[in-house]
Amino acid sequence: MRSTRVGITTGWEQGNVVPGWSLIYTVKACVEAVEKAGGIPLLLPVVKDPEIRRETLNNIDALIAAGEVLSVKRNVLNGDQAKDLESQNPLRFANERDYLLGALERNMPILGICRGHQVLNVVCGGTMYLDDIHMRPENSGVVHQQGSRPPAETIHKVEMDGILARLTGKREAMVNSFHRQAVMEPPPRFAVVARAPDGIVEAMASLEHDFVLGVQFHPEVLQESFWLELFRELVNAGAR
């Protein structure tokens, strides 16, 4: 019998996708991954009232801070100069921040994916590369934004250790990549558990919580079965 209720954060946009209709959305594959892992997926809508966010946390056992699937131009509300995650979409960031901080206070299992990984980093005190990481001298040709290529297609290697290596049973793997910003310095009491060949942080884990993991890629759409173990661990941890 399923018992772990997994809250999944959502995004919102002002009506650029379907003109005149503002949408709240998430990646369907994320919902499917939770279902395959034995959990009950519950979408957490973007709301204005912080009290609703706090109350929502009482009704879930684990949290996924989900990634972004729309283009930056569709999701950025404050113009092309808005680089930091909060300025790009203040209401979405406020929801993600409150869900993450509330979950951390409760020692609730957390999986941050892509944008969710970055927001986890910021709200816990880490720093970010806000300019295009492809312009870094250290980049050495690694592609971190695969654009219109299929999301299940992998584009670069990551080297893994710690909890990520334990869960997947792998020391290295190929991943997809849909970002131009990245974690610079992880928060205090977080360990880097995966890096790209150019040194970019691809995953980090809290040293103070039972299961708090952020990954820069989208494991929910990758074909290798070992990626489902991240969601299984989230669901299992939420049931303890």
C-alpha atoms as a PDB file:
ATOM      1  CA  MET A   1       0.000   0.000   0.000  1.00  0.00           C
ATOM      2  CA  ARG A   2       1.365   3.420  -0.948  1.00  0.00           C
ATOM      3  CA  SER A   3       1.854   5.765   1.974  1.00  0.00           C
ATOM      4  CA  THR A   4       4.547   8.375   1.213  1.00  0.00           C
ATOM      5  CA  ARG A   5       3.029  11.616  -0.040  1.00  0.00           C
ATOM      6  CA  VAL A   6       5.590  13.423  -2.196  1.00  0.00           C
ATOM      7  CA  GLY A   7       4.969  17.117  -2.797  1.00  0.00           C
ATOM      8  CA  ILE A   8       6.289  18.395  -6.140  1.00  0.00           C
ATOM      9  CA  THR A   9       6.808  22.127  -6.616  1.00  0.00           C
ATOM     10  CA  THR A  10       5.380  23.784  -9.698  1.00  0.00           C
ATOM     11  CA  GLY A  11       6.172  26.734 -11.911  1.00  0.00           C
ATOM     12  CA  TRP A  12       3.901  29.446 -13.212  1.00  0.00           C
ATOM     13  CA  GLU A  13       3.925  31.811 -16.159  1.00  0.00           C
ATOM     14  CA  GLN A  14       1.761  34.815 -16.991  1.00  0.00           C
ATOM     15  CA  GLY A  15       0.056  33.627 -20.155  1.00  0.00           C
ATOM     16  CA  ASN A  16       2.815  33.493 -22.745  1.00  0.00           C
ATOM     17  CA  VAL A  17       2.313  29.815 -23.607  1.00  0.00           C
ATOM     18  CA  VAL A  18      -1.456  29.988 -24.145  1.00  0.00           C
ATOM     19  CA  PRO A  19      -2.209  33.705 -24.610  1.00  0.00           C
ATOM     20  CA  GLY A  20      -4.368  35.031 -21.812  1.00  0.00           C
ATOM     21  CA  TRP A  21      -4.195  31.854 -19.702  1.00  0.00           C
ATOM     22  CA  SER A  22      -1.690  31.872 -16.849  1.00  0.00           C
ATOM     23  CA  LEU A  23      -0.459  28.334 -16.219  1.00  0.00           C
ATOM     24  CA  ILE A  24       0.837  26.360 -13.257  1.00  0.00           C
ATOM     25  CA  TYR A  25       2.899  23.383 -14.420  1.00  0.00           C
ATOM     26  CA  THR A  26       5.510  20.745 -13.688  1.00  0.00           C
ATOM     27  CA  VAL A  27       7.327  17.950 -15.524  1.00  0.00           C
ATOM     28  CA  LYS A  28       5.017  14.951 -16.005  1.00  0.00           C
ATOM     29  CA  ALA A  29       8.008  12.590 -15.882  1.00  0.00           C
ATOM     30  CA  CYS A  30       8.643  13.734 -12.311  1.00  0.00           C
ATOM     31  CA  VAL A  31       5.136  12.666 -11.320  1.00  0.00           C
ATOM     32  CA  GLU A  32       5.634   9.337 -13.098  1.00  0.00           C
ATOM     33  CA  ALA A  33       8.978   8.730 -11.358  1.00  0.00           C
ATOM     34  CA  VAL A  34       7.365   9.167  -7.940  1.00  0.00           C
ATOM     35  CA  GLU A  35       4.591   6.781  -8.940  1.00  0.00           C
ATOM     36  CA  LYS A  36       7.091   4.179 -10.183  1.00  0.00           C
ATOM     37  CA  ALA A  37       9.029   4.540  -6.920  1.00  0.00           C
ATOM     38  CA  GLY A  38       5.932   3.698  -4.904  1.00  0.00           C
ATOM     39  CA  GLY A  39       4.997   7.182  -3.717  1.00  0.00           C
ATOM     40  CA  ILE A  40       1.894   9.339  -4.017  1.00  0.00           C
ATOM     41  CA  PRO A  41       2.704  12.430  -6.137  1.00  0.00           C
ATOM     42  CA  LEU A  42       1.009  15.666  -5.073  1.00  0.00           C
ATOM     43  CA  LEU A  43       1.491  18.922  -6.978  1.00  0.00           C
ATOM     44  CA  LEU A  44       2.150  22.028  -4.877  1.00  0.00           C
ATOM     45  CA  PRO A  45       0.627  25.028  -6.688  1.00  0.00           C
ATOM     46  CA  VAL A  46       2.239  28.452  -6.633  1.00  0.00           C
ATOM     47  CA  VAL A  47       0.203  30.469  -4.102  1.00  0.00           C
ATOM     48  CA  LYS A  48       0.482  33.979  -2.685  1.00  0.00           C
ATOM     49  CA  ASP A  49      -0.391  33.217   0.948  1.00  0.00           C
ATOM     50  CA  PRO A  50       2.613  31.930   2.976  1.00  0.00           C
ATOM     51  CA  GLU A  51       0.211  30.356   5.477  1.00  0.00           C
ATOM     52  CA  ILE A  52      -1.088  28.035   2.765  1.00  0.00           C
ATOM     53  CA  ARG A  53       2.483  26.944   2.044  1.00  0.00           C
ATOM     54  CA  ARG A  54       3.128  26.220   5.715  1.00  0.00           C
ATOM     55  CA  GLU A  55      -0.109  24.259   6.031  1.00  0.00           C
ATOM     56  CA  THR A  56       0.673  22.308   2.859  1.00  0.00           C
ATOM     57  CA  LEU A  57       3.858  20.977   4.436  1.00  0.00           C
ATOM     58  CA  ASN A  58       1.728  19.273   7.086  1.00  0.00           C
ATOM     59  CA  ASN A  59       0.173  17.144   4.364  1.00  0.00           C
ATOM     60  CA  ILE A  60       3.288  15.724   2.675  1.00  0.00           C
ATOM     61  CA  ASP A  61       6.070  13.369   3.750  1.00  0.00           C
ATOM     62  CA  ALA A  62       8.761  14.258   1.198  1.00  0.00           C
ATOM     63  CA  LEU A  63       9.503  17.105  -1.199  1.00  0.00           C
ATOM     64  CA  ILE A  64      10.742  17.433  -4.766  1.00  0.00           C
ATOM     65  CA  ALA A  65      11.893  20.917  -5.757  1.00  0.00           C
ATOM     66  CA  ALA A  66      11.291  20.435  -9.455  1.00  0.00           C
ATOM     67  CA  GLY A  67      13.090  21.798 -12.476  1.00  0.00           C
ATOM     68  CA  GLU A  68      12.102  24.361 -15.087  1.00  0.00           C
ATOM     69  CA  VAL A  69      10.770  23.272 -18.466  1.00  0.00           C
ATOM     70  CA  LEU A  70       9.867  26.524 -20.192  1.00  0.00           C
ATOM     71  CA  SER A  71      12.407  28.759 -21.849  1.00  0.00           C
ATOM     72  CA  VAL A  72      13.959  31.523 -19.770  1.00  0.00           C
ATOM     73  CA  LYS A  73      12.187  34.193 -21.836  1.00  0.00           C
ATOM     74  CA  ARG A  74       8.817  32.685 -20.964  1.00  0.00           C
ATOM     75  CA  ASN A  75       9.618  32.300 -17.285  1.00  0.00           C
ATOM     76  CA  VAL A  76      11.510  35.523 -16.500  1.00  0.00           C
ATOM     77  CA  LEU A  77       9.079  38.169 -15.293  1.00  0.00           C
ATOM     78  CA  ASN A  78      11.426  41.097 -14.747  1.00  0.00           C
ATOM     79  CA  GLY A  79      13.214  41.445 -18.060  1.00  0.00           C
ATOM     80  CA  ASP A  80      16.425  40.164 -19.561  1.00  0.00           C
ATOM     81  CA  GLN A  81      18.586  41.712 -16.829  1.00  0.00           C
ATOM     82  CA  ALA A  82      17.082  39.528 -14.090  1.00  0.00           C
ATOM     83  CA  LYS A  83      19.766  36.933 -13.451  1.00  0.00           C
ATOM     84  CA  ASP A  84      19.301  35.671  -9.913  1.00  0.00           C
ATOM     85  CA  LEU A  85      16.641  33.054  -9.250  1.00  0.00           C
ATOM     86  CA  GLU A  86      14.501  35.269  -7.039  1.00  0.00           C
ATOM     87  CA  SER A  87      14.390  38.245  -9.419  1.00  0.00           C
ATOM     88  CA  GLN A  88      13.515  36.064 -12.399  1.00  0.00           C
ATOM     89  CA  ASN A  89      10.230  34.948 -10.849  1.00  0.00           C
ATOM     90  CA  PRO A  90       9.713  36.289  -7.301  1.00  0.00           C
ATOM     91  CA  LEU A  91       6.467  34.463  -6.496  1.00  0.00           C
ATOM     92  CA  ARG A  92       7.734  31.101  -7.681  1.00  0.00           C
ATOM     93  CA  PHE A  93      10.964  31.598  -5.726  1.00  0.00           C
ATOM     94  CA  ALA A  94       9.023  32.533  -2.569  1.00  0.00           C
ATOM     95  CA  ASN A  95       7.031  29.303  -2.826  1.00  0.00           C
ATOM     96  CA  GLU A  96      10.122  27.171  -3.435  1.00  0.00           C
ATOM     97  CA  ARG A  97      11.995  28.889  -0.600  1.00  0.00           C
ATOM     98  CA  ASP A  98       9.195  28.382   1.924  1.00  0.00           C
ATOM     99  CA  TYR A  99       8.633  24.748   0.956  1.00  0.00           C
ATOM    100  CA  LEU A 100      12.354  23.984   1.126  1.00  0.00           C
ATOM    101  CA  LEU A 101      13.055  25.771   4.403  1.00  0.00           C
ATOM    102  CA  GLY A 102       9.972  24.256   6.011  1.00  0.00           C
ATOM    103  CA  ALA A 103      10.946  20.788   4.830  1.00  0.00           C
ATOM    104  CA  LEU A 104      14.492  21.233   6.123  1.00  0.00           C
ATOM    105  CA  GLU A 105      13.180  22.275   9.556  1.00  0.00           C
ATOM    106  CA  ARG A 106      11.146  19.066   9.650  1.00  0.00           C
ATOM    107  CA  ASN A 107      14.075  16.921   8.431  1.00  0.00           C
ATOM    108  CA  MET A 108      11.812  15.956   5.547  1.00  0.00           C
ATOM    109  CA  PRO A 109      13.445  14.092   2.634  1.00  0.00           C
ATOM    110  CA  ILE A 110      14.180  16.453  -0.268  1.00  0.00           C
ATOM    111  CA  LEU A 111      15.231  15.962  -3.872  1.00  0.00           C
ATOM    112  CA  GLY A 112      16.106  19.131  -5.797  1.00  0.00           C
ATOM    113  CA  ILE A 113      16.190  18.844  -9.585  1.00  0.00           C
ATOM    114  CA  CYS A 114      17.863  21.379 -11.924  1.00  0.00           C
ATOM    115  CA  ARG A 115      16.323  24.720 -10.869  1.00  0.00           C
ATOM    116  CA  GLY A 116      15.241  23.061  -7.614  1.00  0.00           C
ATOM    117  CA  HIS A 117      18.865  22.097  -6.971  1.00  0.00           C
ATOM    118  CA  GLN A 118      19.896  25.717  -7.516  1.00  0.00           C
ATOM    119  CA  VAL A 119      17.161  27.133  -5.279  1.00  0.00           C
ATOM    120  CA  LEU A 120      18.130  24.650  -2.550  1.00  0.00           C
ATOM    121  CA  ASN A 121      21.685  25.934  -2.863  1.00  0.00           C
ATOM    122  CA  VAL A 122      20.658  29.588  -2.574  1.00  0.00           C
ATOM    123  CA  VAL A 123      18.233  29.265   0.341  1.00  0.00           C
ATOM    124  CA  CYS A 124      20.785  27.244   2.328  1.00  0.00           C
ATOM    125  CA  GLY A 125      23.531  29.836   1.835  1.00  0.00           C
ATOM    126  CA  GLY A 126      25.421  28.688  -1.247  1.00  0.00           C
ATOM    127  CA  THR A 127      26.597  30.909  -4.097  1.00  0.00           C
ATOM    128  CA  MET A 128      25.862  30.812  -7.823  1.00  0.00           C
ATOM    129  CA  TYR A 129      27.491  31.437 -11.172  1.00  0.00           C
ATOM    130  CA  LEU A 130      24.923  33.904 -12.531  1.00  0.00           C
ATOM    131  CA  ASP A 131      26.603  34.508 -15.886  1.00  0.00           C
ATOM    132  CA  ASP A 132      26.740  31.889 -18.619  1.00  0.00           C
ATOM    133  CA  ILE A 133      29.020  29.126 -17.345  1.00  0.00           C
ATOM    134  CA  HIS A 134      30.013  28.282 -20.919  1.00  0.00           C
ATOM    135  CA  MET A 135      32.082  31.496 -20.887  1.00  0.00           C
ATOM    136  CA  ARG A 136      34.255  30.333 -17.976  1.00  0.00           C
ATOM    137  CA  PRO A 137      37.909  29.671 -18.931  1.00  0.00           C
ATOM    138  CA  GLU A 138      37.623  26.311 -17.171  1.00  0.00           C
ATOM    139  CA  ASN A 139      34.737  25.189 -19.378  1.00  0.00           C
ATOM    140  CA  SER A 140      36.921  23.210 -21.836  1.00  0.00           C
ATOM    141  CA  GLY A 141      34.057  22.619 -24.239  1.00  0.00           C
ATOM    142  CA  VAL A 142      31.571  20.919 -21.908  1.00  0.00           C
ATOM    143  CA  VAL A 143      28.014  21.636 -23.086  1.00  0.00           C
ATOM    144  CA  HIS A 144      25.602  22.369 -20.234  1.00  0.00           C
ATOM    145  CA  GLN A 145      22.624  23.546 -22.291  1.00  0.00           C
ATOM    146  CA  GLN A 146      21.489  20.995 -24.844  1.00  0.00           C
ATOM    147  CA  GLY A 147      18.598  23.161 -26.000  1.00  0.00           C
ATOM    148  CA  SER A 148      16.090  21.415 -28.252  1.00  0.00           C
ATOM    149  CA  ARG A 149      17.723  17.995 -28.054  1.00  0.00           C
ATOM    150  CA  PRO A 150      15.453  15.327 -26.524  1.00  0.00           C
ATOM    151  CA  PRO A 151      15.523  15.469 -22.704  1.00  0.00           C
ATOM    152  CA  ALA A 152      16.366  11.763 -22.464  1.00  0.00           C
ATOM    153  CA  GLU A 153      19.496  12.320 -24.571  1.00  0.00           C
ATOM    154  CA  THR A 154      22.686  12.545 -22.526  1.00  0.00           C
ATOM    155  CA  ILE A 155      25.329  15.128 -23.313  1.00  0.00           C
ATOM    156  CA  HIS A 156      28.181  14.992 -20.789  1.00  0.00           C
ATOM    157  CA  LYS A 157      29.701  12.784 -18.122  1.00  0.00           C
ATOM    158  CA  VAL A 158      29.584  13.253 -14.360  1.00  0.00           C
ATOM    159  CA  GLU A 159      31.840  11.689 -11.757  1.00  0.00           C
ATOM    160  CA  MET A 160      29.937  10.670  -8.633  1.00  0.00           C
ATOM    161  CA  ASP A 161      30.689   9.730  -5.047  1.00  0.00           C
ATOM    162  CA  GLY A 162      28.969   9.763  -1.665  1.00  0.00           C
ATOM    163  CA  ILE A 163      25.253   9.086  -1.520  1.00  0.00           C
ATOM    164  CA  LEU A 164      24.811   9.480  -5.277  1.00  0.00           C
ATOM    165  CA  ALA A 165      27.348   6.754  -6.023  1.00  0.00           C
ATOM    166  CA  ARG A 166      25.797   4.554  -3.351  1.00  0.00           C
ATOM    167  CA  LEU A 167      22.252   4.901  -4.669  1.00  0.00           C
ATOM    168  CA  THR A 168      23.111   4.436  -8.341  1.00  0.00           C
ATOM    169  CA  GLY A 169      25.906   1.911  -7.874  1.00  0.00           C
ATOM    170  CA  LYS A 170      27.980   4.005 -10.307  1.00  0.00           C
ATOM    171  CA  ARG A 171      31.077   6.168 -10.065  1.00  0.00           C
ATOM    172  CA  GLU A 172      30.401   7.890 -13.367  1.00  0.00           C
ATOM    173  CA  ALA A 173      27.448   8.272 -15.703  1.00  0.00           C
ATOM    174  CA  MET A 174      26.193  10.307 -18.638  1.00  0.00           C
ATOM    175  CA  VAL A 175      23.519  12.932 -17.946  1.00  0.00           C
ATOM    176  CA  ASN A 176      21.366  15.469 -19.733  1.00  0.00           C
ATOM    177  CA  SER A 177      21.881  19.191 -19.158  1.00  0.00           C
ATOM    178  CA  PHE A 178      19.599  22.233 -19.465  1.00  0.00           C
ATOM    179  CA  HIS A 179      21.236  25.146 -17.666  1.00  0.00           C
ATOM    180  CA  ARG A 180      23.545  28.134 -18.099  1.00  0.00           C
ATOM    181  CA  GLN A 181      23.847  29.038 -14.415  1.00  0.00           C
ATOM    182  CA  ALA A 182      25.274  26.721 -11.782  1.00  0.00           C
ATOM    183  CA  VAL A 183      26.270  26.267  -8.156  1.00  0.00           C
ATOM    184  CA  MET A 184      29.566  28.026  -7.406  1.00  0.00           C
ATOM    185  CA  GLU A 185      30.079  27.197  -3.727  1.00  0.00           C
ATOM    186  CA  PRO A 186      27.637  24.813  -2.042  1.00  0.00           C
ATOM    187  CA  PRO A 187      26.093  25.784   1.298  1.00  0.00           C
ATOM    188  CA  PRO A 188      27.866  25.080   4.581  1.00  0.00           C
ATOM    189  CA  ARG A 189      27.457  21.456   5.655  1.00  0.00           C
ATOM    190  CA  PHE A 190      26.738  20.288   2.116  1.00  0.00           C
ATOM    191  CA  ALA A 191      29.063  17.930   0.251  1.00  0.00           C
ATOM    192  CA  VAL A 192      29.586  17.881  -3.504  1.00  0.00           C
ATOM    193  CA  VAL A 193      28.709  14.369  -4.701  1.00  0.00           C
ATOM    194  CA  ALA A 194      29.043  14.842  -8.476  1.00  0.00           C
ATOM    195  CA  ARG A 195      30.971  17.094 -10.849  1.00  0.00           C
ATOM    196  CA  ALA A 196      31.123  17.626 -14.597  1.00  0.00           C
ATOM    197  CA  PRO A 197      34.498  17.373 -16.392  1.00  0.00           C
ATOM    198  CA  ASP A 198      34.907  21.171 -16.182  1.00  0.00           C
ATOM    199  CA  GLY A 199      34.399  21.145 -12.408  1.00  0.00           C
ATOM    200  CA  ILE A 200      30.798  22.369 -12.332  1.00  0.00           C
ATOM    201  CA  VAL A 201      28.849  21.015  -9.358  1.00  0.00           C
ATOM    202  CA  GLU A 202      26.341  18.466 -10.663  1.00  0.00           C
ATOM    203  CA  ALA A 203      25.050  17.188  -7.314  1.00  0.00           C
ATOM    204  CA  MET A 204      25.285  18.023  -3.614  1.00  0.00           C
ATOM    205  CA  ALA A 205      23.976  16.450  -0.417  1.00  0.00           C
ATOM    206  CA  SER A 206      23.346  17.759   3.087  1.00  0.00           C
ATOM    207  CA  LEU A 207      25.569  16.411   5.850  1.00  0.00           C
ATOM    208  CA  GLU A 208      23.019  17.369   8.517  1.00  0.00           C
ATOM    209  CA  HIS A 209      19.846  15.739   7.219  1.00  0.00           C
ATOM    210  CA  ASP A 210      18.818  12.159   6.572  1.00  0.00           C
ATOM    211  CA  PHE A 211      18.160  12.683   2.853  1.00  0.00           C
ATOM    212  CA  VAL A 212      18.583  16.058   1.160  1.00  0.00           C
ATOM    213  CA  LEU A 213      20.021  15.784  -2.346  1.00  0.00           C
ATOM    214  CA  GLY A 214      20.229  18.257  -5.218  1.00  0.00           C
ATOM    215  CA  VAL A 215      21.089  17.294  -8.797  1.00  0.00           C
ATOM    216  CA  GLN A 216      21.682  19.715 -11.667  1.00  0.00           C
ATOM    217  CA  PHE A 217      20.408  17.313 -14.343  1.00  0.00           C
ATOM    218  CA  HIS A 218      16.953  15.758 -14.871  1.00  0.00           C
ATOM    219  CA  PRO A 219      17.108  12.118 -13.653  1.00  0.00           C
ATOM    220  CA  GLU A 220      13.352  11.679 -14.074  1.00  0.00           C
ATOM    221  CA  VAL A 221      13.688  11.481 -17.874  1.00  0.00           C
ATOM    222  CA  LEU A 222      16.950   9.519 -18.138  1.00  0.00           C
ATOM    223  CA  GLN A 223      16.567   5.975 -19.436  1.00  0.00           C
ATOM    224  CA  GLU A 224      18.975   4.083 -17.171  1.00  0.00           C
ATOM    225  CA  SER A 225      17.030   2.305 -14.439  1.00  0.00           C
ATOM    226  CA  PHE A 226      19.521   3.226 -11.714  1.00  0.00           C
ATOM    227  CA  TRP A 227      18.294   6.836 -11.726  1.00  0.00           C
ATOM    228  CA  LEU A 228      14.963   5.667 -10.324  1.00  0.00           C
ATOM    229  CA  GLU A 229      16.838   4.802  -7.117  1.00  0.00           C
ATOM    230  CA  LEU A 230      16.945   8.514  -6.250  1.00  0.00           C
ATOM    231  CA  PHE A 231      13.155   8.579  -6.187  1.00  0.00           C
ATOM    232  CA  ARG A 232      12.918   5.248  -4.370  1.00  0.00           C
ATOM    233  CA  GLU A 233      15.209   6.556  -1.632  1.00  0.00           C
ATOM    234  CA  LEU A 234      13.115   9.722  -1.365  1.00  0.00           C
ATOM    235  CA  VAL A 235       9.915   7.693  -1.029  1.00  0.00           C
ATOM    236  CA  ASN A 236      11.451   5.230   1.429  1.00  0.00           C
ATOM    237  CA  ALA A 237      12.933   8.013   3.545  1.00  0.00           C
ATOM    238  CA  GLY A 238       9.534   9.706   3.660  1.00  0.00           C
ATOM    239  CA  ALA A 239       7.973   6.542   5.056  1.00  0.00           C
ATOM    240  CA  ARG A 240      10.399   6.234   7.969  1.00  0.00           C
END
